[in-house]
Amino acid sequence: MSIGMYLASDHKLTTTPQSASSELLSINDLKKYENYATLISNLKTNLGIDPQASDPNEKLFVLLDDEEEVFSVMRDRDEGTINQYTDKPFIYYVDIYNWEQFYQSFANYLQSLQAPFELWEIWEGTVDLQALETVQLDELNEQALEKLFGNNEYSNPVVGVY
């Protein structure tokens, strides 16, 4: 189980642009990198993925540029736990790569959106509507987001409505 962070809206929202460093790669794609042996070793050691038992053409991996990527927002079309909390037709998954810079960058992104939205933090695989906390967001700034989501901790499902 893990924490899921989402944007939901009745309108299509702008997703974050994906840099070249965040494209999906397969094991075969990884072979073009000088540090291929280290990458493959890390798959085994850190993720428990056996490259020999995996489809070498399936695009599963992302190499991130730590200086460039803080978060990404991508459309989520799969039915999941979030769909049991909201009936909004447009759902976007928020993936965070750098918590230290996240709130400022995310606030800037949210301010650029031209439609109302909901910000969700839920526990994937568990639905607890009675514990759901709803917060009206009057401002989209670093402090409001940090108050809503905390520092990568989870107590109850929460939705911020803007």
C-alpha atoms as a PDB file:
ATOM      1  CA  MET A   1       0.000   0.000   0.000  1.00  0.00           C
ATOM      2  CA  SER A   2       1.130   3.543  -0.651  1.00  0.00           C
ATOM      3  CA  ILE A   3      -0.003   7.135  -0.499  1.00  0.00           C
ATOM      4  CA  GLY A   4      -1.531   8.469  -3.706  1.00  0.00           C
ATOM      5  CA  MET A   5      -1.726  12.150  -4.584  1.00  0.00           C
ATOM      6  CA  TYR A   6      -4.161  13.250  -7.264  1.00  0.00           C
ATOM      7  CA  LEU A   7      -5.725  16.211  -9.006  1.00  0.00           C
ATOM      8  CA  ALA A   8      -9.358  15.798 -10.077  1.00  0.00           C
ATOM      9  CA  SER A   9     -11.491  18.163 -12.143  1.00  0.00           C
ATOM     10  CA  ASP A  10     -14.531  18.458 -14.363  1.00  0.00           C
ATOM     11  CA  HIS A  11     -12.197  19.998 -16.942  1.00  0.00           C
ATOM     12  CA  LYS A  12      -9.076  18.828 -18.742  1.00  0.00           C
ATOM     13  CA  LEU A  13      -6.004  20.192 -16.990  1.00  0.00           C
ATOM     14  CA  THR A  14      -2.520  20.869 -18.277  1.00  0.00           C
ATOM     15  CA  THR A  15      -0.117  18.061 -17.446  1.00  0.00           C
ATOM     16  CA  THR A  16       3.490  18.818 -16.657  1.00  0.00           C
ATOM     17  CA  PRO A  17       5.808  18.591 -19.643  1.00  0.00           C
ATOM     18  CA  GLN A  18       8.013  15.524 -19.652  1.00  0.00           C
ATOM     19  CA  SER A  19      11.680  16.164 -20.242  1.00  0.00           C
ATOM     20  CA  ALA A  20      13.835  13.808 -22.269  1.00  0.00           C
ATOM     21  CA  SER A  21      15.226  12.441 -19.021  1.00  0.00           C
ATOM     22  CA  SER A  22      11.783  11.292 -17.881  1.00  0.00           C
ATOM     23  CA  GLU A  23      10.812   9.231 -20.920  1.00  0.00           C
ATOM     24  CA  LEU A  24       9.867   5.598 -20.312  1.00  0.00           C
ATOM     25  CA  LEU A  25      12.662   3.156 -21.059  1.00  0.00           C
ATOM     26  CA  SER A  26      12.929  -0.601 -21.476  1.00  0.00           C
ATOM     27  CA  ILE A  27      15.812  -2.821 -20.407  1.00  0.00           C
ATOM     28  CA  ASN A  28      16.964  -2.785 -24.030  1.00  0.00           C
ATOM     29  CA  ASP A  29      16.853   1.046 -23.978  1.00  0.00           C
ATOM     30  CA  LEU A  30      19.054   1.078 -20.874  1.00  0.00           C
ATOM     31  CA  LYS A  31      21.815  -0.706 -22.815  1.00  0.00           C
ATOM     32  CA  LYS A  32      22.745   2.566 -24.557  1.00  0.00           C
ATOM     33  CA  TYR A  33      23.962   4.079 -21.280  1.00  0.00           C
ATOM     34  CA  GLU A  34      27.590   3.769 -20.214  1.00  0.00           C
ATOM     35  CA  ASN A  35      26.526   2.751 -16.714  1.00  0.00           C
ATOM     36  CA  TYR A  36      24.229  -0.025 -17.989  1.00  0.00           C
ATOM     37  CA  ALA A  37      25.836  -2.680 -15.764  1.00  0.00           C
ATOM     38  CA  THR A  38      25.242  -0.523 -12.674  1.00  0.00           C
ATOM     39  CA  LEU A  39      21.658   0.220 -13.685  1.00  0.00           C
ATOM     40  CA  ILE A  40      20.920  -3.497 -14.150  1.00  0.00           C
ATOM     41  CA  SER A  41      22.627  -4.333 -10.869  1.00  0.00           C
ATOM     42  CA  ASN A  42      20.515  -1.665  -9.117  1.00  0.00           C
ATOM     43  CA  LEU A  43      17.353  -3.208 -10.561  1.00  0.00           C
ATOM     44  CA  LYS A  44      18.235  -6.478  -8.867  1.00  0.00           C
ATOM     45  CA  THR A  45      19.571  -5.035  -5.614  1.00  0.00           C
ATOM     46  CA  ASN A  46      17.237  -2.106  -4.962  1.00  0.00           C
ATOM     47  CA  LEU A  47      14.004  -3.100  -6.680  1.00  0.00           C
ATOM     48  CA  GLY A  48      14.126  -6.887  -6.716  1.00  0.00           C
ATOM     49  CA  ILE A  49      13.600  -6.943 -10.490  1.00  0.00           C
ATOM     50  CA  ASP A  50      15.281  -9.777 -12.334  1.00  0.00           C
ATOM     51  CA  PRO A  51      16.128  -8.388 -15.796  1.00  0.00           C
ATOM     52  CA  GLN A  52      16.428 -11.951 -17.158  1.00  0.00           C
ATOM     53  CA  ALA A  53      12.815 -12.670 -16.205  1.00  0.00           C
ATOM     54  CA  SER A  54      11.471  -9.354 -17.565  1.00  0.00           C
ATOM     55  CA  ASP A  55      10.337  -8.472 -21.073  1.00  0.00           C
ATOM     56  CA  PRO A  56      13.387  -6.536 -22.375  1.00  0.00           C
ATOM     57  CA  ASN A  57      11.152  -4.359 -24.594  1.00  0.00           C
ATOM     58  CA  GLU A  58       8.567  -3.368 -21.975  1.00  0.00           C
ATOM     59  CA  LYS A  59       8.972   0.317 -21.108  1.00  0.00           C
ATOM     60  CA  LEU A  60       8.934   0.436 -17.302  1.00  0.00           C
ATOM     61  CA  PHE A  61      11.803   2.632 -16.207  1.00  0.00           C
ATOM     62  CA  VAL A  62      12.440   6.363 -15.900  1.00  0.00           C
ATOM     63  CA  LEU A  63      15.813   8.019 -15.405  1.00  0.00           C
ATOM     64  CA  LEU A  64      15.393  11.357 -13.661  1.00  0.00           C
ATOM     65  CA  ASP A  65      17.573  14.424 -13.734  1.00  0.00           C
ATOM     66  CA  ASP A  66      17.605  15.412 -10.062  1.00  0.00           C
ATOM     67  CA  GLU A  67      18.155  19.074 -10.920  1.00  0.00           C
ATOM     68  CA  GLU A  68      15.331  19.191 -13.432  1.00  0.00           C
ATOM     69  CA  GLU A  69      12.422  17.114 -12.142  1.00  0.00           C
ATOM     70  CA  VAL A  70      10.564  18.062  -8.962  1.00  0.00           C
ATOM     71  CA  PHE A  71       7.186  16.459  -9.735  1.00  0.00           C
ATOM     72  CA  SER A  72       5.043  15.306 -12.622  1.00  0.00           C
ATOM     73  CA  VAL A  73       1.307  15.375 -13.257  1.00  0.00           C
ATOM     74  CA  MET A  74       0.016  12.716 -15.629  1.00  0.00           C
ATOM     75  CA  ARG A  75      -3.522  11.773 -16.654  1.00  0.00           C
ATOM     76  CA  ASP A  76      -4.702   8.618 -14.876  1.00  0.00           C
ATOM     77  CA  ARG A  77      -7.241   6.676 -16.926  1.00  0.00           C
ATOM     78  CA  ASP A  78      -7.238   3.510 -14.810  1.00  0.00           C
ATOM     79  CA  GLU A  79     -10.024   2.743 -12.366  1.00  0.00           C
ATOM     80  CA  GLY A  80      -8.522   2.829  -8.892  1.00  0.00           C
ATOM     81  CA  THR A  81      -9.105   3.838  -5.308  1.00  0.00           C
ATOM     82  CA  ILE A  82      -9.372   7.524  -6.254  1.00  0.00           C
ATOM     83  CA  ASN A  83     -12.483   6.774  -8.322  1.00  0.00           C
ATOM     84  CA  GLN A  84     -14.248   5.658  -5.153  1.00  0.00           C
ATOM     85  CA  TYR A  85     -13.646   9.105  -3.621  1.00  0.00           C
ATOM     86  CA  THR A  86     -14.466  11.440  -6.499  1.00  0.00           C
ATOM     87  CA  ASP A  87     -16.723  11.361  -9.537  1.00  0.00           C
ATOM     88  CA  LYS A  88     -14.682  13.934 -11.460  1.00  0.00           C
ATOM     89  CA  PRO A  89     -14.050  12.713 -15.028  1.00  0.00           C
ATOM     90  CA  PHE A  90     -10.488  14.019 -15.286  1.00  0.00           C
ATOM     91  CA  ILE A  91      -8.064  12.459 -12.803  1.00  0.00           C
ATOM     92  CA  TYR A  92      -4.324  13.150 -12.721  1.00  0.00           C
ATOM     93  CA  TYR A  93      -1.679  11.372 -10.682  1.00  0.00           C
ATOM     94  CA  VAL A  94       0.917  13.578  -8.973  1.00  0.00           C
ATOM     95  CA  ASP A  95       4.326  11.944  -8.722  1.00  0.00           C
ATOM     96  CA  ILE A  96       6.806  13.702  -6.425  1.00  0.00           C
ATOM     97  CA  TYR A  97      10.552  13.373  -6.995  1.00  0.00           C
ATOM     98  CA  ASN A  98      11.898  16.101  -4.691  1.00  0.00           C
ATOM     99  CA  TRP A  99       9.965  16.929  -1.497  1.00  0.00           C
ATOM    100  CA  GLU A 100      12.278  19.815  -0.585  1.00  0.00           C
ATOM    101  CA  GLN A 101      11.293  21.785  -3.689  1.00  0.00           C
ATOM    102  CA  PHE A 102       7.835  20.298  -4.221  1.00  0.00           C
ATOM    103  CA  TYR A 103       5.460  22.775  -2.569  1.00  0.00           C
ATOM    104  CA  GLN A 104       6.823  25.910  -4.233  1.00  0.00           C
ATOM    105  CA  SER A 105       6.983  24.302  -7.700  1.00  0.00           C
ATOM    106  CA  PHE A 106       3.575  22.641  -7.315  1.00  0.00           C
ATOM    107  CA  ALA A 107       1.955  25.895  -6.121  1.00  0.00           C
ATOM    108  CA  ASN A 108       3.282  27.632  -9.251  1.00  0.00           C
ATOM    109  CA  TYR A 109       1.881  24.850 -11.422  1.00  0.00           C
ATOM    110  CA  LEU A 110      -1.538  24.941  -9.691  1.00  0.00           C
ATOM    111  CA  GLN A 111      -1.754  28.720 -10.092  1.00  0.00           C
ATOM    112  CA  SER A 112      -1.379  28.250 -13.847  1.00  0.00           C
ATOM    113  CA  LEU A 113      -4.480  26.045 -14.090  1.00  0.00           C
ATOM    114  CA  GLN A 114      -7.568  27.718 -15.505  1.00  0.00           C
ATOM    115  CA  ALA A 115     -10.232  25.482 -13.962  1.00  0.00           C
ATOM    116  CA  PRO A 116     -11.489  24.444 -10.512  1.00  0.00           C
ATOM    117  CA  PHE A 117      -9.990  21.244  -9.129  1.00  0.00           C
ATOM    118  CA  GLU A 118      -9.669  18.951  -6.146  1.00  0.00           C
ATOM    119  CA  LEU A 119      -6.342  17.922  -4.607  1.00  0.00           C
ATOM    120  CA  TRP A 120      -6.435  14.438  -3.079  1.00  0.00           C
ATOM    121  CA  GLU A 121      -4.149  12.507  -0.763  1.00  0.00           C
ATOM    122  CA  ILE A 122      -5.362   8.955  -0.166  1.00  0.00           C
ATOM    123  CA  TRP A 123      -4.119   5.568   0.931  1.00  0.00           C
ATOM    124  CA  GLU A 124      -4.147   3.375  -2.187  1.00  0.00           C
ATOM    125  CA  GLY A 125      -6.284   0.263  -1.844  1.00  0.00           C
ATOM    126  CA  THR A 126      -8.277   1.583   1.132  1.00  0.00           C
ATOM    127  CA  VAL A 127     -11.450   3.666   1.068  1.00  0.00           C
ATOM    128  CA  ASP A 128     -12.433   5.477   4.282  1.00  0.00           C
ATOM    129  CA  LEU A 129     -15.099   8.045   3.435  1.00  0.00           C
ATOM    130  CA  GLN A 130     -15.994   8.643   7.084  1.00  0.00           C
ATOM    131  CA  ALA A 131     -12.441   9.783   7.883  1.00  0.00           C
ATOM    132  CA  LEU A 132     -12.262  12.040   4.802  1.00  0.00           C
ATOM    133  CA  GLU A 133     -11.240  15.601   5.641  1.00  0.00           C
ATOM    134  CA  THR A 134     -12.360  18.334   3.227  1.00  0.00           C
ATOM    135  CA  VAL A 135     -10.456  21.629   3.175  1.00  0.00           C
ATOM    136  CA  GLN A 136     -11.467  24.698   1.168  1.00  0.00           C
ATOM    137  CA  LEU A 137      -8.336  26.172  -0.416  1.00  0.00           C
ATOM    138  CA  ASP A 138      -8.574  29.949  -0.639  1.00  0.00           C
ATOM    139  CA  GLU A 139      -4.952  30.362  -1.677  1.00  0.00           C
ATOM    140  CA  LEU A 140      -2.572  28.255  -3.720  1.00  0.00           C
ATOM    141  CA  ASN A 141       0.758  28.865  -2.095  1.00  0.00           C
ATOM    142  CA  GLU A 142       3.502  26.842  -0.481  1.00  0.00           C
ATOM    143  CA  GLN A 143       2.111  27.289   3.043  1.00  0.00           C
ATOM    144  CA  ALA A 144      -1.444  26.225   2.114  1.00  0.00           C
ATOM    145  CA  LEU A 145      -0.200  23.093   0.355  1.00  0.00           C
ATOM    146  CA  GLU A 146       2.141  22.160   3.182  1.00  0.00           C
ATOM    147  CA  LYS A 147      -0.700  22.584   5.668  1.00  0.00           C
ATOM    148  CA  LEU A 148      -2.950  20.385   3.510  1.00  0.00           C
ATOM    149  CA  PHE A 149      -0.494  17.569   2.814  1.00  0.00           C
ATOM    150  CA  GLY A 150       2.158  17.839   5.529  1.00  0.00           C
ATOM    151  CA  ASN A 151       5.658  16.498   4.995  1.00  0.00           C
ATOM    152  CA  ASN A 152       4.995  13.206   3.251  1.00  0.00           C
ATOM    153  CA  GLU A 153       3.042  11.752   6.164  1.00  0.00           C
ATOM    154  CA  TYR A 154      -0.451  10.331   6.144  1.00  0.00           C
ATOM    155  CA  SER A 155      -3.154  10.233   8.795  1.00  0.00           C
ATOM    156  CA  ASN A 156      -6.509  10.366   6.956  1.00  0.00           C
ATOM    157  CA  PRO A 157      -7.706  10.877   3.414  1.00  0.00           C
ATOM    158  CA  VAL A 158      -7.878  14.582   2.593  1.00  0.00           C
ATOM    159  CA  VAL A 159      -9.225  16.673  -0.274  1.00  0.00           C
ATOM    160  CA  GLY A 160      -8.438  20.309  -0.872  1.00  0.00           C
ATOM    161  CA  VAL A 161     -11.074  22.017  -3.017  1.00  0.00           C
ATOM    162  CA  TYR A 162     -10.164  25.039  -5.128  1.00  0.00           C
END
